[in-house]
Amino acid sequence: MTLNYASFRADIGDENEAFSNSDIDTLETAAIEAYGADVAYEGARLIAVTRLMMNAAKFADYTQNDSSEKKSQKFSNLSKMRTIYKDELSEAQERVAGSSVRAGRSTRKPSRLKEYPDA
């Protein structure tokens, strides 16, 4: 399964080609290992945005006199994108697994042993 590089770049907003074709292939391989082949596209998007966030975290805002540049806003925007892509990955994983009912026993406290004094 090979990702369509142009659509992948468009989905993550990669206009300046932050990821080369081989980088995107590496992201796909990492996503297959982490999330499975059925949701590789969604996983690769999540990993890509996470890497972009780590790169954007080093930027600082710059203000002097009347000019300002808010580079930390990139981190905030990527964080919002990551939340969206994480939700889409979860939905894709549920769709692949099938919408089965999950039932199980809830955890409960173990019963206490009571000691009664001898009469």
PDB file of N, CA and C in Angstrom:
ATOM      1  N   MET A   1       0.847  -1.176   0.000  1.00  0.00           N
ATOM      2  CA  MET A   1       0.000   0.000   0.000  1.00  0.00           C
ATOM      3  C   MET A   1       0.888   1.233   0.000  1.00  0.00           C
ATOM      4  N   THR A   2       0.758   2.040  -0.996  1.00  0.00           N
ATOM      5  CA  THR A   2       1.562   3.245  -1.101  1.00  0.00           C
ATOM      6  C   THR A   2       0.651   4.456  -0.998  1.00  0.00           C
ATOM      7  N   LEU A   3       1.070   5.392  -0.184  1.00  0.00           N
ATOM      8  CA  LEU A   3       0.287   6.606  -0.017  1.00  0.00           C
ATOM      9  C   LEU A   3       0.406   7.493  -1.247  1.00  0.00           C
ATOM     10  N   ASN A   4      -0.647   8.210  -1.552  1.00  0.00           N
ATOM     11  CA  ASN A   4      -0.609   9.223  -2.593  1.00  0.00           C
ATOM     12  C   ASN A   4       0.047  10.454  -1.972  1.00  0.00           C
ATOM     13  N   TYR A   5       1.239  10.777  -2.416  1.00  0.00           N
ATOM     14  CA  TYR A   5       2.027  11.832  -1.784  1.00  0.00           C
ATOM     15  C   TYR A   5       1.329  13.186  -1.830  1.00  0.00           C
ATOM     16  N   ALA A   6       0.733  13.525  -2.957  1.00  0.00           N
ATOM     17  CA  ALA A   6       0.099  14.839  -3.104  1.00  0.00           C
ATOM     18  C   ALA A   6      -1.092  14.990  -2.159  1.00  0.00           C
ATOM     19  N   SER A   7      -1.950  13.970  -2.086  1.00  0.00           N
ATOM     20  CA  SER A   7      -3.111  14.076  -1.201  1.00  0.00           C
ATOM     21  C   SER A   7      -2.694  14.021   0.266  1.00  0.00           C
ATOM     22  N   PHE A   8      -1.650  13.255   0.565  1.00  0.00           N
ATOM     23  CA  PHE A   8      -1.155  13.203   1.940  1.00  0.00           C
ATOM     24  C   PHE A   8      -0.633  14.575   2.362  1.00  0.00           C
ATOM     25  N   ARG A   9       0.153  15.202   1.487  1.00  0.00           N
ATOM     26  CA  ARG A   9       0.680  16.537   1.793  1.00  0.00           C
ATOM     27  C   ARG A   9      -0.456  17.548   1.945  1.00  0.00           C
ATOM     28  N   ALA A  10      -1.473  17.433   1.113  1.00  0.00           N
ATOM     29  CA  ALA A  10      -2.610  18.353   1.208  1.00  0.00           C
ATOM     30  C   ALA A  10      -3.358  18.169   2.527  1.00  0.00           C
ATOM     31  N   ASP A  11      -3.494  16.928   2.977  1.00  0.00           N
ATOM     32  CA  ASP A  11      -4.205  16.665   4.227  1.00  0.00           C
ATOM     33  C   ASP A  11      -3.504  17.256   5.440  1.00  0.00           C
ATOM     34  N   ILE A  12      -2.182  17.223   5.454  1.00  0.00           N
ATOM     35  CA  ILE A  12      -1.470  17.747   6.622  1.00  0.00           C
ATOM     36  C   ILE A  12      -1.036  19.197   6.432  1.00  0.00           C
ATOM     37  N   GLY A  13      -1.368  19.785   5.288  1.00  0.00           N
ATOM     38  CA  GLY A  13      -1.020  21.182   5.046  1.00  0.00           C
ATOM     39  C   GLY A  13       0.448  21.384   4.744  1.00  0.00           C
ATOM     40  N   ASP A  14       1.067  20.413   4.134  1.00  0.00           N
ATOM     41  CA  ASP A  14       2.501  20.466   3.832  1.00  0.00           C
ATOM     42  C   ASP A  14       2.702  21.133   2.472  1.00  0.00           C
ATOM     43  N   GLU A  15       2.704  22.460   2.457  1.00  0.00           N
ATOM     44  CA  GLU A  15       2.858  23.195   1.203  1.00  0.00           C
ATOM     45  C   GLU A  15       4.318  23.334   0.789  1.00  0.00           C
ATOM     46  N   ASN A  16       5.216  23.335   1.745  1.00  0.00           N
ATOM     47  CA  ASN A  16       6.637  23.533   1.456  1.00  0.00           C
ATOM     48  C   ASN A  16       7.405  22.223   1.382  1.00  0.00           C
ATOM     49  N   GLU A  17       6.697  21.131   1.310  1.00  0.00           N
ATOM     50  CA  GLU A  17       7.291  19.797   1.272  1.00  0.00           C
ATOM     51  C   GLU A  17       8.247  19.563   2.437  1.00  0.00           C
ATOM     52  N   ALA A  18       7.683  19.649   3.640  1.00  0.00           N
ATOM     53  CA  ALA A  18       8.460  19.359   4.843  1.00  0.00           C
ATOM     54  C   ALA A  18       8.859  17.888   4.874  1.00  0.00           C
ATOM     55  N   PHE A  19       8.055  17.053   4.224  1.00  0.00           N
ATOM     56  CA  PHE A  19       8.339  15.626   4.157  1.00  0.00           C
ATOM     57  C   PHE A  19       8.615  15.238   2.708  1.00  0.00           C
ATOM     58  N   SER A  20       9.750  14.619   2.482  1.00  0.00           N
ATOM     59  CA  SER A  20      10.055  14.112   1.140  1.00  0.00           C
ATOM     60  C   SER A  20       9.255  12.830   0.909  1.00  0.00           C
ATOM     61  N   ASN A  21       9.292  12.327  -0.308  1.00  0.00           N
ATOM     62  CA  ASN A  21       8.574  11.085  -0.608  1.00  0.00           C
ATOM     63  C   ASN A  21       9.081   9.930   0.243  1.00  0.00           C
ATOM     64  N   SER A  22      10.390   9.866   0.449  1.00  0.00           N
ATOM     65  CA  SER A  22      10.935   8.782   1.281  1.00  0.00           C
ATOM     66  C   SER A  22      10.533   8.965   2.742  1.00  0.00           C
ATOM     67  N   ASP A  23      10.411  10.224   3.203  1.00  0.00           N
ATOM     68  CA  ASP A  23       9.931  10.467   4.565  1.00  0.00           C
ATOM     69  C   ASP A  23       8.492   9.981   4.725  1.00  0.00           C
ATOM     70  N   ILE A  24       7.681  10.227   3.710  1.00  0.00           N
ATOM     71  CA  ILE A  24       6.285   9.785   3.765  1.00  0.00           C
ATOM     72  C   ILE A  24       6.212   8.259   3.765  1.00  0.00           C
ATOM     73  N   ASP A  25       7.079   7.615   3.001  1.00  0.00           N
ATOM     74  CA  ASP A  25       7.134   6.149   3.027  1.00  0.00           C
ATOM     75  C   ASP A  25       7.531   5.645   4.412  1.00  0.00           C
ATOM     76  N   THR A  26       8.477   6.339   5.046  1.00  0.00           N
ATOM     77  CA  THR A  26       8.898   5.975   6.402  1.00  0.00           C
ATOM     78  C   THR A  26       7.750   6.164   7.387  1.00  0.00           C
ATOM     79  N   LEU A  27       6.991   7.254   7.228  1.00  0.00           N
ATOM     80  CA  LEU A  27       5.825   7.484   8.083  1.00  0.00           C
ATOM     81  C   LEU A  27       4.801   6.363   7.915  1.00  0.00           C
ATOM     82  N   GLU A  28       4.603   5.942   6.671  1.00  0.00           N
ATOM     83  CA  GLU A  28       3.650   4.864   6.406  1.00  0.00           C
ATOM     84  C   GLU A  28       4.107   3.564   7.063  1.00  0.00           C
ATOM     85  N   THR A  29       5.397   3.266   6.966  1.00  0.00           N
ATOM     86  CA  THR A  29       5.930   2.051   7.584  1.00  0.00           C
ATOM     87  C   THR A  29       5.762   2.097   9.099  1.00  0.00           C
ATOM     88  N   ALA A  30       6.058   3.254   9.690  1.00  0.00           N
ATOM     89  CA  ALA A  30       5.900   3.406  11.140  1.00  0.00           C
ATOM     90  C   ALA A  30       4.438   3.270  11.543  1.00  0.00           C
ATOM     91  N   ALA A  31       3.537   3.800  10.728  1.00  0.00           N
ATOM     92  CA  ALA A  31       2.109   3.704  11.031  1.00  0.00           C
ATOM     93  C   ALA A  31       1.615   2.268  10.930  1.00  0.00           C
ATOM     94  N   ILE A  32       2.113   1.529   9.948  1.00  0.00           N
ATOM     95  CA  ILE A  32       1.720   0.122   9.813  1.00  0.00           C
ATOM     96  C   ILE A  32       2.185  -0.664  11.030  1.00  0.00           C
ATOM     97  N   GLU A  33       3.404  -0.394  11.489  1.00  0.00           N
ATOM     98  CA  GLU A  33       3.920  -1.095  12.665  1.00  0.00           C
ATOM     99  C   GLU A  33       3.150  -0.712  13.921  1.00  0.00           C
ATOM    100  N   ALA A  34       2.776   0.552  14.042  1.00  0.00           N
ATOM    101  CA  ALA A  34       2.123   1.017  15.264  1.00  0.00           C
ATOM    102  C   ALA A  34       0.621   0.738  15.287  1.00  0.00           C
ATOM    103  N   TYR A  35      -0.044   0.922  14.146  1.00  0.00           N
ATOM    104  CA  TYR A  35      -1.501   0.870  14.143  1.00  0.00           C
ATOM    105  C   TYR A  35      -2.097  -0.215  13.260  1.00  0.00           C
ATOM    106  N   GLY A  36      -1.314  -0.796  12.373  1.00  0.00           N
ATOM    107  CA  GLY A  36      -1.817  -1.828  11.476  1.00  0.00           C
ATOM    108  C   GLY A  36      -1.986  -1.295  10.064  1.00  0.00           C
ATOM    109  N   ALA A  37      -1.994  -2.205   9.111  1.00  0.00           N
ATOM    110  CA  ALA A  37      -2.038  -1.825   7.697  1.00  0.00           C
ATOM    111  C   ALA A  37      -3.380  -1.227   7.295  1.00  0.00           C
ATOM    112  N   ASP A  38      -4.455  -1.613   7.977  1.00  0.00           N
ATOM    113  CA  ASP A  38      -5.779  -1.137   7.589  1.00  0.00           C
ATOM    114  C   ASP A  38      -5.993   0.345   7.882  1.00  0.00           C
ATOM    115  N   VAL A  39      -5.272   0.876   8.845  1.00  0.00           N
ATOM    116  CA  VAL A  39      -5.419   2.293   9.200  1.00  0.00           C
ATOM    117  C   VAL A  39      -4.090   3.027   9.036  1.00  0.00           C
ATOM    118  N   ALA A  40      -3.288   2.580   8.079  1.00  0.00           N
ATOM    119  CA  ALA A  40      -1.953   3.161   7.886  1.00  0.00           C
ATOM    120  C   ALA A  40      -2.021   4.629   7.491  1.00  0.00           C
ATOM    121  N   TYR A  41      -2.989   4.988   6.660  1.00  0.00           N
ATOM    122  CA  TYR A  41      -3.090   6.380   6.211  1.00  0.00           C
ATOM    123  C   TYR A  41      -3.377   7.309   7.385  1.00  0.00           C
ATOM    124  N   GLU A  42      -4.367   6.949   8.195  1.00  0.00           N
ATOM    125  CA  GLU A  42      -4.730   7.766   9.350  1.00  0.00           C
ATOM    126  C   GLU A  42      -3.584   7.813  10.358  1.00  0.00           C
ATOM    127  N   GLY A  43      -2.912   6.683  10.549  1.00  0.00           N
ATOM    128  CA  GLY A  43      -1.779   6.643  11.468  1.00  0.00           C
ATOM    129  C   GLY A  43      -0.611   7.474  10.980  1.00  0.00           C
ATOM    130  N   ALA A  44      -0.356   7.440   9.678  1.00  0.00           N
ATOM    131  CA  ALA A  44       0.743   8.232   9.115  1.00  0.00           C
ATOM    132  C   ALA A  44       0.472   9.721   9.261  1.00  0.00           C
ATOM    133  N   ARG A  45      -0.792  10.120   9.079  1.00  0.00           N
ATOM    134  CA  ARG A  45      -1.132  11.539   9.272  1.00  0.00           C
ATOM    135  C   ARG A  45      -0.895  11.961  10.712  1.00  0.00           C
ATOM    136  N   LEU A  46      -1.280  11.107  11.657  1.00  0.00           N
ATOM    137  CA  LEU A  46      -1.096  11.436  13.065  1.00  0.00           C
ATOM    138  C   LEU A  46       0.385  11.550  13.408  1.00  0.00           C
ATOM    139  N   ILE A  47       1.188  10.624  12.935  1.00  0.00           N
ATOM    140  CA  ILE A  47       2.630  10.667  13.197  1.00  0.00           C
ATOM    141  C   ILE A  47       3.251  11.899  12.553  1.00  0.00           C
ATOM    142  N   ALA A  48       2.829  12.232  11.336  1.00  0.00           N
ATOM    143  CA  ALA A  48       3.379  13.396  10.637  1.00  0.00           C
ATOM    144  C   ALA A  48       3.073  14.689  11.385  1.00  0.00           C
ATOM    145  N   VAL A  49       1.836  14.846  11.826  1.00  0.00           N
ATOM    146  CA  VAL A  49       1.466  16.063  12.547  1.00  0.00           C
ATOM    147  C   VAL A  49       2.184  16.125  13.888  1.00  0.00           C
ATOM    148  N   THR A  50       2.378  14.983  14.533  1.00  0.00           N
ATOM    149  CA  THR A  50       3.125  14.961  15.792  1.00  0.00           C
ATOM    150  C   THR A  50       4.562  15.411  15.567  1.00  0.00           C
ATOM    151  N   ARG A  51       5.175  14.952  14.488  1.00  0.00           N
ATOM    152  CA  ARG A  51       6.545  15.382  14.182  1.00  0.00           C
ATOM    153  C   ARG A  51       6.603  16.867  13.856  1.00  0.00           C
ATOM    154  N   LEU A  52       5.612  17.364  13.137  1.00  0.00           N
ATOM    155  CA  LEU A  52       5.570  18.799  12.852  1.00  0.00           C
ATOM    156  C   LEU A  52       5.394  19.605  14.137  1.00  0.00           C
ATOM    157  N   MET A  53       4.614  19.065  15.080  1.00  0.00           N
ATOM    158  CA  MET A  53       4.443  19.739  16.372  1.00  0.00           C
ATOM    159  C   MET A  53       5.754  19.819  17.130  1.00  0.00           C
ATOM    160  N   MET A  54       6.510  18.739  17.115  1.00  0.00           N
ATOM    161  CA  MET A  54       7.789  18.737  17.824  1.00  0.00           C
ATOM    162  C   MET A  54       8.749  19.753  17.207  1.00  0.00           C
ATOM    163  N   ASN A  55       8.671  19.926  15.907  1.00  0.00           N
ATOM    164  CA  ASN A  55       9.506  20.918  15.238  1.00  0.00           C
ATOM    165  C   ASN A  55       9.022  22.334  15.560  1.00  0.00           C
ATOM    166  N   ALA A  56       7.708  22.532  15.620  1.00  0.00           N
ATOM    167  CA  ALA A  56       7.150  23.858  15.878  1.00  0.00           C
ATOM    168  C   ALA A  56       7.306  24.275  17.332  1.00  0.00           C
ATOM    169  N   ALA A  57       7.535  23.329  18.223  1.00  0.00           N
ATOM    170  CA  ALA A  57       7.654  23.656  19.645  1.00  0.00           C
ATOM    171  C   ALA A  57       8.861  24.527  19.942  1.00  0.00           C
ATOM    172  N   LYS A  58       9.847  24.507  19.088  1.00  0.00           N
ATOM    173  CA  LYS A  58      11.062  25.280  19.356  1.00  0.00           C
ATOM    174  C   LYS A  58      10.940  26.743  18.944  1.00  0.00           C
ATOM    175  N   PHE A  59       9.878  27.099  18.220  1.00  0.00           N
ATOM    176  CA  PHE A  59       9.709  28.482  17.790  1.00  0.00           C
ATOM    177  C   PHE A  59       9.166  29.337  18.923  1.00  0.00           C
ATOM    178  N   ALA A  60       9.579  30.575  18.948  1.00  0.00           N
ATOM    179  CA  ALA A  60       9.116  31.510  19.966  1.00  0.00           C
ATOM    180  C   ALA A  60       8.504  32.726  19.281  1.00  0.00           C
ATOM    181  N   ASP A  61       7.652  33.405  20.011  1.00  0.00           N
ATOM    182  CA  ASP A  61       7.066  34.637  19.487  1.00  0.00           C
ATOM    183  C   ASP A  61       8.110  35.745  19.508  1.00  0.00           C
ATOM    184  N   TYR A  62       7.967  36.644  18.578  1.00  0.00           N
ATOM    185  CA  TYR A  62       8.909  37.752  18.468  1.00  0.00           C
ATOM    186  C   TYR A  62       8.108  39.041  18.413  1.00  0.00           C
ATOM    187  N   THR A  63       8.425  39.960  19.301  1.00  0.00           N
ATOM    188  CA  THR A  63       7.762  41.255  19.305  1.00  0.00           C
ATOM    189  C   THR A  63       8.795  42.340  19.566  1.00  0.00           C
ATOM    190  N   GLN A  64       8.778  43.334  18.709  1.00  0.00           N
ATOM    191  CA  GLN A  64       9.640  44.488  18.924  1.00  0.00           C
ATOM    192  C   GLN A  64       8.965  45.685  18.277  1.00  0.00           C
ATOM    193  N   ASN A  65       8.764  46.718  19.079  1.00  0.00           N
ATOM    194  CA  ASN A  65       8.077  47.928  18.640  1.00  0.00           C
ATOM    195  C   ASN A  65       6.710  47.571  18.057  1.00  0.00           C
ATOM    196  N   ASP A  66       6.464  47.916  16.827  1.00  0.00           N
ATOM    197  CA  ASP A  66       5.156  47.658  16.233  1.00  0.00           C
ATOM    198  C   ASP A  66       5.084  46.354  15.449  1.00  0.00           C
ATOM    199  N   SER A  67       6.182  45.659  15.328  1.00  0.00           N
ATOM    200  CA  SER A  67       6.164  44.413  14.567  1.00  0.00           C
ATOM    201  C   SER A  67       6.140  43.214  15.510  1.00  0.00           C
ATOM    202  N   SER A  68       5.417  42.208  15.100  1.00  0.00           N
ATOM    203  CA  SER A  68       5.360  40.987  15.900  1.00  0.00           C
ATOM    204  C   SER A  68       5.171  39.801  14.974  1.00  0.00           C
ATOM    205  N   GLU A  69       5.633  38.677  15.451  1.00  0.00           N
ATOM    206  CA  GLU A  69       5.524  37.436  14.695  1.00  0.00           C
ATOM    207  C   GLU A  69       5.179  36.336  15.687  1.00  0.00           C
ATOM    208  N   LYS A  70       4.041  35.712  15.519  1.00  0.00           N
ATOM    209  CA  LYS A  70       3.578  34.703  16.463  1.00  0.00           C
ATOM    210  C   LYS A  70       3.791  33.314  15.884  1.00  0.00           C
ATOM    211  N   LYS A  71       4.993  32.823  16.037  1.00  0.00           N
ATOM    212  CA  LYS A  71       5.307  31.494  15.505  1.00  0.00           C
ATOM    213  C   LYS A  71       4.778  30.381  16.398  1.00  0.00           C
ATOM    214  N   SER A  72       4.534  30.683  17.674  1.00  0.00           N
ATOM    215  CA  SER A  72       4.017  29.641  18.560  1.00  0.00           C
ATOM    216  C   SER A  72       2.584  29.267  18.200  1.00  0.00           C
ATOM    217  N   GLN A  73       1.930  30.079  17.393  1.00  0.00           N
ATOM    218  CA  GLN A  73       0.580  29.751  16.959  1.00  0.00           C
ATOM    219  C   GLN A  73       0.582  28.513  16.071  1.00  0.00           C
ATOM    220  N   LYS A  74       1.703  28.253  15.403  1.00  0.00           N
ATOM    221  CA  LYS A  74       1.815  27.038  14.597  1.00  0.00           C
ATOM    222  C   LYS A  74       1.631  25.810  15.481  1.00  0.00           C
ATOM    223  N   PHE A  75       2.261  25.837  16.662  1.00  0.00           N
ATOM    224  CA  PHE A  75       2.144  24.710  17.586  1.00  0.00           C
ATOM    225  C   PHE A  75       0.693  24.523  18.009  1.00  0.00           C
ATOM    226  N   SER A  76       0.027  25.617  18.308  1.00  0.00           N
ATOM    227  CA  SER A  76      -1.372  25.551  18.725  1.00  0.00           C
ATOM    228  C   SER A  76      -2.253  24.980  17.618  1.00  0.00           C
ATOM    229  N   ASN A  77      -2.041  25.439  16.397  1.00  0.00           N
ATOM    230  CA  ASN A  77      -2.835  24.937  15.272  1.00  0.00           C
ATOM    231  C   ASN A  77      -2.556  23.465  15.005  1.00  0.00           C
ATOM    232  N   LEU A  78      -1.292  23.068  15.084  1.00  0.00           N
ATOM    233  CA  LEU A  78      -0.948  21.659  14.881  1.00  0.00           C
ATOM    234  C   LEU A  78      -1.532  20.786  15.984  1.00  0.00           C
ATOM    235  N   SER A  79      -1.591  21.333  17.186  1.00  0.00           N
ATOM    236  CA  SER A  79      -2.181  20.591  18.297  1.00  0.00           C
ATOM    237  C   SER A  79      -3.662  20.314  18.034  1.00  0.00           C
ATOM    238  N   LYS A  80      -4.357  21.299  17.478  1.00  0.00           N
ATOM    239  CA  LYS A  80      -5.767  21.102  17.131  1.00  0.00           C
ATOM    240  C   LYS A  80      -5.906  20.061  16.021  1.00  0.00           C
ATOM    241  N   MET A  81      -5.016  20.136  15.027  1.00  0.00           N
ATOM    242  CA  MET A  81      -5.044  19.147  13.943  1.00  0.00           C
ATOM    243  C   MET A  81      -4.781  17.751  14.483  1.00  0.00           C
ATOM    244  N   ARG A  82      -3.852  17.646  15.431  1.00  0.00           N
ATOM    245  CA  ARG A  82      -3.509  16.340  15.995  1.00  0.00           C
ATOM    246  C   ARG A  82      -4.719  15.717  16.697  1.00  0.00           C
ATOM    247  N   THR A  83      -5.472  16.548  17.406  1.00  0.00           N
ATOM    248  CA  THR A  83      -6.671  16.051  18.077  1.00  0.00           C
ATOM    249  C   THR A  83      -7.676  15.513  17.061  1.00  0.00           C
ATOM    250  N   ILE A  84      -7.846  16.235  15.968  1.00  0.00           N
ATOM    251  CA  ILE A  84      -8.772  15.795  14.921  1.00  0.00           C
ATOM    252  C   ILE A  84      -8.298  14.480  14.316  1.00  0.00           C
ATOM    253  N   TYR A  85      -7.015  14.396  13.981  1.00  0.00           N
ATOM    254  CA  TYR A  85      -6.493  13.187  13.347  1.00  0.00           C
ATOM    255  C   TYR A  85      -6.480  12.003  14.302  1.00  0.00           C
ATOM    256  N   LYS A  86      -6.295  12.276  15.595  1.00  0.00           N
ATOM    257  CA  LYS A  86      -6.334  11.192  16.573  1.00  0.00           C
ATOM    258  C   LYS A  86      -7.751  10.611  16.659  1.00  0.00           C
ATOM    259  N   ASP A  87      -8.750  11.490  16.630  1.00  0.00           N
ATOM    260  CA  ASP A  87     -10.139  11.028  16.637  1.00  0.00           C
ATOM    261  C   ASP A  87     -10.457  10.233  15.375  1.00  0.00           C
ATOM    262  N   GLU A  88      -9.966  10.714  14.229  1.00  0.00           N
ATOM    263  CA  GLU A  88     -10.205   9.993  12.978  1.00  0.00           C
ATOM    264  C   GLU A  88      -9.516   8.633  12.974  1.00  0.00           C
ATOM    265  N   LEU A  89      -8.339   8.551  13.581  1.00  0.00           N
ATOM    266  CA  LEU A  89      -7.654   7.264  13.693  1.00  0.00           C
ATOM    267  C   LEU A  89      -8.460   6.311  14.564  1.00  0.00           C
ATOM    268  N   SER A  90      -8.980   6.801  15.679  1.00  0.00           N
ATOM    269  CA  SER A  90      -9.796   5.953  16.556  1.00  0.00           C
ATOM    270  C   SER A  90     -11.042   5.454  15.836  1.00  0.00           C
ATOM    271  N   GLU A  91     -11.687   6.345  15.073  1.00  0.00           N
ATOM    272  CA  GLU A  91     -12.871   5.939  14.316  1.00  0.00           C
ATOM    273  C   GLU A  91     -12.519   4.885  13.272  1.00  0.00           C
ATOM    274  N   ALA A  92     -11.390   5.063  12.601  1.00  0.00           N
ATOM    275  CA  ALA A  92     -10.969   4.090  11.587  1.00  0.00           C
ATOM    276  C   ALA A  92     -10.648   2.745  12.226  1.00  0.00           C
ATOM    277  N   GLN A  93     -10.009   2.765  13.395  1.00  0.00           N
ATOM    278  CA  GLN A  93      -9.697   1.518  14.086  1.00  0.00           C
ATOM    279  C   GLN A  93     -10.973   0.795  14.501  1.00  0.00           C
ATOM    280  N   GLU A  94     -11.964   1.544  14.970  1.00  0.00           N
ATOM    281  CA  GLU A  94     -13.235   0.926  15.346  1.00  0.00           C
ATOM    282  C   GLU A  94     -13.953   0.369  14.124  1.00  0.00           C
ATOM    283  N   ARG A  95     -13.884   1.096  13.009  1.00  0.00           N
ATOM    284  CA  ARG A  95     -14.532   0.652  11.785  1.00  0.00           C
ATOM    285  C   ARG A  95     -13.904  -0.647  11.280  1.00  0.00           C
ATOM    286  N   VAL A  96     -12.575  -0.738  11.380  1.00  0.00           N
ATOM    287  CA  VAL A  96     -11.874  -1.938  10.931  1.00  0.00           C
ATOM    288  C   VAL A  96     -12.165  -3.111  11.858  1.00  0.00           C
ATOM    289  N   ALA A  97     -12.213  -2.838  13.149  1.00  0.00           N
ATOM    290  CA  ALA A  97     -12.442  -3.903  14.120  1.00  0.00           C
ATOM    291  C   ALA A  97     -13.890  -4.379  14.102  1.00  0.00           C
ATOM    292  N   GLY A  98     -14.768  -3.596  13.543  1.00  0.00           N
ATOM    293  CA  GLY A  98     -16.182  -3.937  13.564  1.00  0.00           C
ATOM    294  C   GLY A  98     -16.814  -3.318  14.787  1.00  0.00           C
ATOM    295  N   SER A  99     -18.014  -2.928  14.648  1.00  0.00           N
ATOM    296  CA  SER A  99     -18.695  -2.263  15.759  1.00  0.00           C
ATOM    297  C   SER A  99     -19.318  -3.300  16.669  1.00  0.00           C
ATOM    298  N   SER A 100     -18.499  -4.050  17.314  1.00  0.00           N
ATOM    299  CA  SER A 100     -19.014  -5.073  18.210  1.00  0.00           C
ATOM    300  C   SER A 100     -19.254  -4.465  19.583  1.00  0.00           C
ATOM    301  N   VAL A 101     -20.163  -5.063  20.285  1.00  0.00           N
ATOM    302  CA  VAL A 101     -20.470  -4.599  21.623  1.00  0.00           C
ATOM    303  C   VAL A 101     -19.379  -5.084  22.556  1.00  0.00           C
ATOM    304  N   ARG A 102     -18.884  -4.171  23.311  1.00  0.00           N
ATOM    305  CA  ARG A 102     -17.844  -4.542  24.264  1.00  0.00           C
ATOM    306  C   ARG A 102     -18.476  -4.711  25.631  1.00  0.00           C
ATOM    307  N   ALA A 103     -18.398  -5.898  26.136  1.00  0.00           N
ATOM    308  CA  ALA A 103     -18.961  -6.170  27.443  1.00  0.00           C
ATOM    309  C   ALA A 103     -17.866  -6.737  28.323  1.00  0.00           C
ATOM    310  N   GLY A 104     -17.964  -6.430  29.544  1.00  0.00           N
ATOM    311  CA  GLY A 104     -16.969  -6.948  30.464  1.00  0.00           C
ATOM    312  C   GLY A 104     -17.392  -6.668  31.884  1.00  0.00           C
ATOM    313  N   ARG A 105     -16.664  -7.221  32.770  1.00  0.00           N
ATOM    314  CA  ARG A 105     -16.967  -7.035  34.170  1.00  0.00           C
ATOM    315  C   ARG A 105     -16.310  -5.764  34.656  1.00  0.00           C
ATOM    316  N   SER A 106     -17.064  -4.955  35.329  1.00  0.00           N
ATOM    317  CA  SER A 106     -16.465  -3.747  35.877  1.00  0.00           C
ATOM    318  C   SER A 106     -15.635  -4.119  37.101  1.00  0.00           C
ATOM    319  N   THR A 107     -14.669  -3.314  37.357  1.00  0.00           N
ATOM    320  CA  THR A 107     -13.836  -3.595  38.523  1.00  0.00           C
ATOM    321  C   THR A 107     -14.598  -3.180  39.769  1.00  0.00           C
ATOM    322  N   ARG A 108     -14.543  -3.992  40.749  1.00  0.00           N
ATOM    323  CA  ARG A 108     -15.195  -3.666  42.005  1.00  0.00           C
ATOM    324  C   ARG A 108     -14.245  -3.971  43.143  1.00  0.00           C
ATOM    325  N   LYS A 109     -14.520  -3.371  44.242  1.00  0.00           N
ATOM    326  CA  LYS A 109     -13.654  -3.553  45.397  1.00  0.00           C
ATOM    327  C   LYS A 109     -13.819  -4.972  45.944  1.00  0.00           C
ATOM    328  N   PRO A 110     -12.724  -5.580  46.342  1.00  0.00           N
ATOM    329  CA  PRO A 110     -12.851  -6.907  46.951  1.00  0.00           C
ATOM    330  C   PRO A 110     -13.552  -6.800  48.305  1.00  0.00           C
ATOM    331  N   SER A 111     -14.290  -7.828  48.623  1.00  0.00           N
ATOM    332  CA  SER A 111     -15.005  -7.791  49.897  1.00  0.00           C
ATOM    333  C   SER A 111     -14.014  -7.843  51.052  1.00  0.00           C
ATOM    334  N   ARG A 112     -14.381  -7.176  52.106  1.00  0.00           N
ATOM    335  CA  ARG A 112     -13.500  -7.128  53.277  1.00  0.00           C
ATOM    336  C   ARG A 112     -13.763  -8.325  54.181  1.00  0.00           C
ATOM    337  N   LEU A 113     -12.711  -8.757  54.813  1.00  0.00           N
ATOM    338  CA  LEU A 113     -12.865  -9.790  55.829  1.00  0.00           C
ATOM    339  C   LEU A 113     -13.180  -9.101  57.143  1.00  0.00           C
ATOM    340  N   LYS A 114     -14.244  -9.520  57.765  1.00  0.00           N
ATOM    341  CA  LYS A 114     -14.620  -8.911  59.033  1.00  0.00           C
ATOM    342  C   LYS A 114     -14.220  -9.850  60.163  1.00  0.00           C
ATOM    343  N   GLU A 115     -13.642  -9.278  61.159  1.00  0.00           N
ATOM    344  CA  GLU A 115     -13.255 -10.065  62.329  1.00  0.00           C
ATOM    345  C   GLU A 115     -14.213  -9.743  63.465  1.00  0.00           C
ATOM    346  N   TYR A 116     -14.733 -10.802  64.058  1.00  0.00           N
ATOM    347  CA  TYR A 116     -15.627 -10.634  65.189  1.00  0.00           C
ATOM    348  C   TYR A 116     -14.907 -11.136  66.434  1.00  0.00           C
ATOM    349  N   PRO A 117     -15.016 -10.405  67.517  1.00  0.00           N
ATOM    350  CA  PRO A 117     -14.346 -10.869  68.743  1.00  0.00           C
ATOM    351  C   PRO A 117     -15.035 -12.120  69.290  1.00  0.00           C
ATOM    352  N   ASP A 118     -14.238 -12.978  69.902  1.00  0.00           N
ATOM    353  CA  ASP A 118     -14.805 -14.185  70.501  1.00  0.00           C
ATOM    354  C   ASP A 118     -15.654 -13.788  71.701  1.00  0.00           C
ATOM    355  N   ALA A 119     -16.814 -14.417  71.818  1.00  0.00           N
ATOM    356  CA  ALA A 119     -17.695 -14.067  72.920  1.00  0.00           C
ATOM    357  C   ALA A 119     -17.485 -14.958  74.101  1.00  0.00           C
TER     358      ALA A 119
END
